[in-house]
Amino acid sequence: MPRAKTSRAEPWRPHLTEDEADTIARAEAAKESWRLLKHQRALIISRASTRARRAGEAQPRKEA
């Protein structure tokens, strides 16, 4: 698994056991997957909001 890029030094990483390194790699992959899912969710909501706005504009407006 590719390791997530970090901006800070991680002097502890070379001292991890194989199991610990695997666990951290899976956690980092899950974090990236979650980030992508949140981004997809935001895009879906944005598209749905745009459709709702356009649907509202297509209906005749009631005069107050």
PDB file of N, CA and C in Angstrom:
ATOM      1  N   MET A   1       0.834  -1.182   0.000  1.00  0.00           N
ATOM      2  CA  MET A   1       0.000   0.000   0.000  1.00  0.00           C
ATOM      3  C   MET A   1       0.878   1.244   0.000  1.00  0.00           C
ATOM      4  N   PRO A   2       0.526   2.242  -0.815  1.00  0.00           N
ATOM      5  CA  PRO A   2       1.322   3.468  -0.778  1.00  0.00           C
ATOM      6  C   PRO A   2       1.063   4.210   0.523  1.00  0.00           C
ATOM      7  N   ARG A   3       2.108   4.787   1.033  1.00  0.00           N
ATOM      8  CA  ARG A   3       2.011   5.522   2.284  1.00  0.00           C
ATOM      9  C   ARG A   3       1.508   6.933   2.018  1.00  0.00           C
ATOM     10  N   ALA A   4       0.654   7.413   2.886  1.00  0.00           N
ATOM     11  CA  ALA A   4       0.152   8.779   2.754  1.00  0.00           C
ATOM     12  C   ALA A   4       1.288   9.761   2.994  1.00  0.00           C
ATOM     13  N   LYS A   5       1.271  10.825   2.209  1.00  0.00           N
ATOM     14  CA  LYS A   5       2.319  11.838   2.371  1.00  0.00           C
ATOM     15  C   LYS A   5       2.028  12.674   3.602  1.00  0.00           C
ATOM     16  N   THR A   6       3.061  12.969   4.350  1.00  0.00           N
ATOM     17  CA  THR A   6       2.908  13.830   5.518  1.00  0.00           C
ATOM     18  C   THR A   6       3.916  14.953   5.423  1.00  0.00           C
ATOM     19  N   SER A   7       3.605  16.062   6.071  1.00  0.00           N
ATOM     20  CA  SER A   7       4.492  17.220   6.005  1.00  0.00           C
ATOM     21  C   SER A   7       5.448  17.267   7.194  1.00  0.00           C
ATOM     22  N   ARG A   8       5.211  16.432   8.180  1.00  0.00           N
ATOM     23  CA  ARG A   8       6.072  16.473   9.364  1.00  0.00           C
ATOM     24  C   ARG A   8       6.973  15.226   9.406  1.00  0.00           C
ATOM     25  N   ALA A   9       8.067  15.355  10.099  1.00  0.00           N
ATOM     26  CA  ALA A   9       8.996  14.237  10.236  1.00  0.00           C
ATOM     27  C   ALA A   9       8.366  13.158  11.108  1.00  0.00           C
ATOM     28  N   GLU A  10       8.625  11.929  10.769  1.00  0.00           N
ATOM     29  CA  GLU A  10       8.106  10.799  11.534  1.00  0.00           C
ATOM     30  C   GLU A  10       9.260   9.889  11.911  1.00  0.00           C
ATOM     31  N   PRO A  11      10.060  10.281  12.902  1.00  0.00           N
ATOM     32  CA  PRO A  11      11.237   9.493  13.253  1.00  0.00           C
ATOM     33  C   PRO A  11      10.888   8.134  13.838  1.00  0.00           C
ATOM     34  N   TRP A  12       9.666   7.928  14.247  1.00  0.00           N
ATOM     35  CA  TRP A  12       9.232   6.672  14.845  1.00  0.00           C
ATOM     36  C   TRP A  12       8.904   5.609  13.800  1.00  0.00           C
ATOM     37  N   ARG A  13       8.616   6.042  12.556  1.00  0.00           N
ATOM     38  CA  ARG A  13       8.153   5.096  11.533  1.00  0.00           C
ATOM     39  C   ARG A  13       9.129   3.936  11.292  1.00  0.00           C
ATOM     40  N   PRO A  14      10.438   4.158  11.228  1.00  0.00           N
ATOM     41  CA  PRO A  14      11.343   3.023  10.989  1.00  0.00           C
ATOM     42  C   PRO A  14      11.363   1.999  12.137  1.00  0.00           C
ATOM     43  N   HIS A  15      10.840   2.368  13.295  1.00  0.00           N
ATOM     44  CA  HIS A  15      10.860   1.478  14.453  1.00  0.00           C
ATOM     45  C   HIS A  15       9.587   0.659  14.608  1.00  0.00           C
ATOM     46  N   LEU A  16       8.672   0.772  13.648  1.00  0.00           N
ATOM     47  CA  LEU A  16       7.425   0.016  13.721  1.00  0.00           C
ATOM     48  C   LEU A  16       7.670  -1.447  13.387  1.00  0.00           C
ATOM     49  N   THR A  17       6.881  -2.313  14.030  1.00  0.00           N
ATOM     50  CA  THR A  17       6.919  -3.722  13.638  1.00  0.00           C
ATOM     51  C   THR A  17       6.149  -3.842  12.320  1.00  0.00           C
ATOM     52  N   GLU A  18       6.244  -4.974  11.687  1.00  0.00           N
ATOM     53  CA  GLU A  18       5.543  -5.173  10.413  1.00  0.00           C
ATOM     54  C   GLU A  18       4.030  -5.051  10.610  1.00  0.00           C
ATOM     55  N   ASP A  19       3.524  -5.610  11.696  1.00  0.00           N
ATOM     56  CA  ASP A  19       2.086  -5.516  11.977  1.00  0.00           C
ATOM     57  C   ASP A  19       1.655  -4.075  12.239  1.00  0.00           C
ATOM     58  N   GLU A  20       2.458  -3.353  12.984  1.00  0.00           N
ATOM     59  CA  GLU A  20       2.135  -1.955  13.270  1.00  0.00           C
ATOM     60  C   GLU A  20       2.165  -1.122  11.987  1.00  0.00           C
ATOM     61  N   ALA A  21       3.162  -1.355  11.161  1.00  0.00           N
ATOM     62  CA  ALA A  21       3.257  -0.617   9.894  1.00  0.00           C
ATOM     63  C   ALA A  21       2.064  -0.925   9.002  1.00  0.00           C
ATOM     64  N   ASP A  22       1.638  -2.190   8.987  1.00  0.00           N
ATOM     65  CA  ASP A  22       0.478  -2.585   8.192  1.00  0.00           C
ATOM     66  C   ASP A  22      -0.786  -1.908   8.706  1.00  0.00           C
ATOM     67  N   THR A  23      -0.935  -1.868  10.015  1.00  0.00           N
ATOM     68  CA  THR A  23      -2.109  -1.229  10.611  1.00  0.00           C
ATOM     69  C   THR A  23      -2.144   0.256  10.273  1.00  0.00           C
ATOM     70  N   ILE A  24      -1.008   0.910  10.387  1.00  0.00           N
ATOM     71  CA  ILE A  24      -0.953   2.344  10.067  1.00  0.00           C
ATOM     72  C   ILE A  24      -1.228   2.571   8.580  1.00  0.00           C
ATOM     73  N   ALA A  25      -0.704   1.713   7.728  1.00  0.00           N
ATOM     74  CA  ALA A  25      -0.947   1.842   6.287  1.00  0.00           C
ATOM     75  C   ALA A  25      -2.433   1.686   5.979  1.00  0.00           C
ATOM     76  N   ARG A  26      -3.087   0.720   6.617  1.00  0.00           N
ATOM     77  CA  ARG A  26      -4.525   0.533   6.401  1.00  0.00           C
ATOM     78  C   ARG A  26      -5.312   1.729   6.926  1.00  0.00           C
ATOM     79  N   ALA A  27      -4.898   2.272   8.067  1.00  0.00           N
ATOM     80  CA  ALA A  27      -5.582   3.442   8.626  1.00  0.00           C
ATOM     81  C   ALA A  27      -5.427   4.653   7.706  1.00  0.00           C
ATOM     82  N   GLU A  28      -4.242   4.837   7.158  1.00  0.00           N
ATOM     83  CA  GLU A  28      -4.011   5.962   6.245  1.00  0.00           C
ATOM     84  C   GLU A  28      -4.813   5.793   4.961  1.00  0.00           C
ATOM     85  N   ALA A  29      -4.911   4.558   4.472  1.00  0.00           N
ATOM     86  CA  ALA A  29      -5.709   4.305   3.270  1.00  0.00           C
ATOM     87  C   ALA A  29      -7.189   4.565   3.558  1.00  0.00           C
ATOM     88  N   ALA A  30      -7.648   4.155   4.727  1.00  0.00           N
ATOM     89  CA  ALA A  30      -9.043   4.392   5.105  1.00  0.00           C
ATOM     90  C   ALA A  30      -9.323   5.888   5.226  1.00  0.00           C
ATOM     91  N   LYS A  31      -8.360   6.626   5.773  1.00  0.00           N
ATOM     92  CA  LYS A  31      -8.523   8.074   5.917  1.00  0.00           C
ATOM     93  C   LYS A  31      -8.647   8.726   4.532  1.00  0.00           C
ATOM     94  N   GLU A  32      -7.831   8.289   3.591  1.00  0.00           N
ATOM     95  CA  GLU A  32      -7.901   8.835   2.232  1.00  0.00           C
ATOM     96  C   GLU A  32      -9.226   8.450   1.573  1.00  0.00           C
ATOM     97  N   SER A  33      -9.656   7.222   1.781  1.00  0.00           N
ATOM     98  CA  SER A  33     -10.931   6.779   1.225  1.00  0.00           C
ATOM     99  C   SER A  33     -12.079   7.616   1.797  1.00  0.00           C
ATOM    100  N   TRP A  34     -12.041   7.892   3.089  1.00  0.00           N
ATOM    101  CA  TRP A  34     -13.066   8.709   3.730  1.00  0.00           C
ATOM    102  C   TRP A  34     -13.056  10.122   3.163  1.00  0.00           C
ATOM    103  N   ARG A  35     -11.860  10.667   2.925  1.00  0.00           N
ATOM    104  CA  ARG A  35     -11.744  12.012   2.361  1.00  0.00           C
ATOM    105  C   ARG A  35     -12.406  12.055   0.976  1.00  0.00           C
ATOM    106  N   LEU A  36     -12.149  11.016   0.174  1.00  0.00           N
ATOM    107  CA  LEU A  36     -12.745  10.966  -1.165  1.00  0.00           C
ATOM    108  C   LEU A  36     -14.264  10.821  -1.095  1.00  0.00           C
ATOM    109  N   LEU A  37     -14.748  10.016  -0.147  1.00  0.00           N
ATOM    110  CA  LEU A  37     -16.190   9.863   0.015  1.00  0.00           C
ATOM    111  C   LEU A  37     -16.846  11.178   0.426  1.00  0.00           C
ATOM    112  N   LYS A  38     -16.219  11.915   1.325  1.00  0.00           N
ATOM    113  CA  LYS A  38     -16.774  13.219   1.737  1.00  0.00           C
ATOM    114  C   LYS A  38     -16.823  14.170   0.547  1.00  0.00           C
ATOM    115  N   HIS A  39     -15.776  14.128  -0.297  1.00  0.00           N
ATOM    116  CA  HIS A  39     -15.746  14.985  -1.476  1.00  0.00           C
ATOM    117  C   HIS A  39     -16.872  14.600  -2.442  1.00  0.00           C
ATOM    118  N   GLN A  40     -17.057  13.304  -2.659  1.00  0.00           N
ATOM    119  CA  GLN A  40     -18.135  12.847  -3.532  1.00  0.00           C
ATOM    120  C   GLN A  40     -19.493  13.263  -2.981  1.00  0.00           C
ATOM    121  N   ARG A  41     -19.669  13.152  -1.660  1.00  0.00           N
ATOM    122  CA  ARG A  41     -20.914  13.549  -1.031  1.00  0.00           C
ATOM    123  C   ARG A  41     -21.188  15.029  -1.277  1.00  0.00           C
ATOM    124  N   ALA A  42     -20.171  15.851  -1.121  1.00  0.00           N
ATOM    125  CA  ALA A  42     -20.344  17.289  -1.334  1.00  0.00           C
ATOM    126  C   ALA A  42     -20.725  17.581  -2.785  1.00  0.00           C
ATOM    127  N   LEU A  43     -20.119  16.865  -3.733  1.00  0.00           N
ATOM    128  CA  LEU A  43     -20.466  17.076  -5.142  1.00  0.00           C
ATOM    129  C   LEU A  43     -21.904  16.666  -5.431  1.00  0.00           C
ATOM    130  N   ILE A  44     -22.330  15.547  -4.857  1.00  0.00           N
ATOM    131  CA  ILE A  44     -23.705  15.078  -5.057  1.00  0.00           C
ATOM    132  C   ILE A  44     -24.698  16.094  -4.499  1.00  0.00           C
ATOM    133  N   ILE A  45     -24.438  16.594  -3.301  1.00  0.00           N
ATOM    134  CA  ILE A  45     -25.324  17.586  -2.696  1.00  0.00           C
ATOM    135  C   ILE A  45     -25.356  18.861  -3.533  1.00  0.00           C
ATOM    136  N   SER A  46     -24.207  19.269  -4.045  1.00  0.00           N
ATOM    137  CA  SER A  46     -24.144  20.468  -4.875  1.00  0.00           C
ATOM    138  C   SER A  46     -24.973  20.299  -6.150  1.00  0.00           C
ATOM    139  N   ARG A  47     -24.816  19.148  -6.801  1.00  0.00           N
ATOM    140  CA  ARG A  47     -25.594  18.894  -8.025  1.00  0.00           C
ATOM    141  C   ARG A  47     -27.086  18.843  -7.733  1.00  0.00           C
ATOM    142  N   ALA A  48     -27.471  18.186  -6.641  1.00  0.00           N
ATOM    143  CA  ALA A  48     -28.886  18.090  -6.283  1.00  0.00           C
ATOM    144  C   ALA A  48     -29.450  19.472  -5.949  1.00  0.00           C
ATOM    145  N   SER A  49     -28.666  20.288  -5.270  1.00  0.00           N
ATOM    146  CA  SER A  49     -29.107  21.645  -4.940  1.00  0.00           C
ATOM    147  C   SER A  49     -29.305  22.468  -6.208  1.00  0.00           C
ATOM    148  N   THR A  50     -28.395  22.309  -7.155  1.00  0.00           N
ATOM    149  CA  THR A  50     -28.516  23.021  -8.425  1.00  0.00           C
ATOM    150  C   THR A  50     -29.776  22.584  -9.169  1.00  0.00           C
ATOM    151  N   ARG A  51     -30.025  21.267  -9.191  1.00  0.00           N
ATOM    152  CA  ARG A  51     -31.242  20.770  -9.845  1.00  0.00           C
ATOM    153  C   ARG A  51     -32.489  21.299  -9.151  1.00  0.00           C
ATOM    154  N   ALA A  52     -32.458  21.338  -7.826  1.00  0.00           N
ATOM    155  CA  ALA A  52     -33.622  21.833  -7.078  1.00  0.00           C
ATOM    156  C   ALA A  52     -33.866  23.313  -7.375  1.00  0.00           C
ATOM    157  N   ARG A  53     -32.777  24.087  -7.433  1.00  0.00           N
ATOM    158  CA  ARG A  53     -32.912  25.516  -7.757  1.00  0.00           C
ATOM    159  C   ARG A  53     -33.489  25.689  -9.159  1.00  0.00           C
ATOM    160  N   ARG A  54     -32.958  24.929 -10.113  1.00  0.00           N
ATOM    161  CA  ARG A  54     -33.457  25.046 -11.492  1.00  0.00           C
ATOM    162  C   ARG A  54     -34.907  24.603 -11.595  1.00  0.00           C
ATOM    163  N   ALA A  55     -35.277  23.571 -10.860  1.00  0.00           N
ATOM    164  CA  ALA A  55     -36.672  23.116 -10.872  1.00  0.00           C
ATOM    165  C   ALA A  55     -37.577  24.197 -10.295  1.00  0.00           C
ATOM    166  N   GLY A  56     -37.101  24.877  -9.262  1.00  0.00           N
ATOM    167  CA  GLY A  56     -37.881  25.958  -8.668  1.00  0.00           C
ATOM    168  C   GLY A  56     -38.012  27.136  -9.597  1.00  0.00           C
ATOM    169  N   GLU A  57     -36.977  27.415 -10.398  1.00  0.00           N
ATOM    170  CA  GLU A  57     -37.027  28.537 -11.347  1.00  0.00           C
ATOM    171  C   GLU A  57     -37.951  28.236 -12.503  1.00  0.00           C
ATOM    172  N   ALA A  58     -38.104  26.948 -12.834  1.00  0.00           N
ATOM    173  CA  ALA A  58     -38.946  26.574 -13.969  1.00  0.00           C
ATOM    174  C   ALA A  58     -40.422  26.714 -13.641  1.00  0.00           C
ATOM    175  N   GLN A  59     -40.772  26.671 -12.357  1.00  0.00           N
ATOM    176  CA  GLN A  59     -42.164  26.813 -11.951  1.00  0.00           C
ATOM    177  C   GLN A  59     -42.543  28.288 -11.946  1.00  0.00           C
ATOM    178  N   PRO A  60     -43.761  28.592 -12.318  1.00  0.00           N
ATOM    179  CA  PRO A  60     -44.182  29.998 -12.279  1.00  0.00           C
ATOM    180  C   PRO A  60     -44.175  30.497 -10.841  1.00  0.00           C
ATOM    181  N   ARG A  61     -43.662  31.702 -10.668  1.00  0.00           N
ATOM    182  CA  ARG A  61     -43.588  32.284  -9.326  1.00  0.00           C
ATOM    183  C   ARG A  61     -44.940  32.872  -8.945  1.00  0.00           C
ATOM    184  N   LYS A  62     -45.299  32.666  -7.710  1.00  0.00           N
ATOM    185  CA  LYS A  62     -46.555  33.214  -7.212  1.00  0.00           C
ATOM    186  C   LYS A  62     -46.338  34.674  -6.826  1.00  0.00           C
ATOM    187  N   GLU A  63     -47.275  35.497  -7.201  1.00  0.00           N
ATOM    188  CA  GLU A  63     -47.210  36.912  -6.851  1.00  0.00           C
ATOM    189  C   GLU A  63     -47.647  37.086  -5.404  1.00  0.00           C
ATOM    190  N   ALA A  64     -46.959  37.918  -4.675  1.00  0.00           N
ATOM    191  CA  ALA A  64     -47.314  38.137  -3.260  1.00  0.00           C
ATOM    192  C   ALA A  64     -48.373  39.199  -3.139  1.00  0.00           C
TER     193      ALA A  64
END
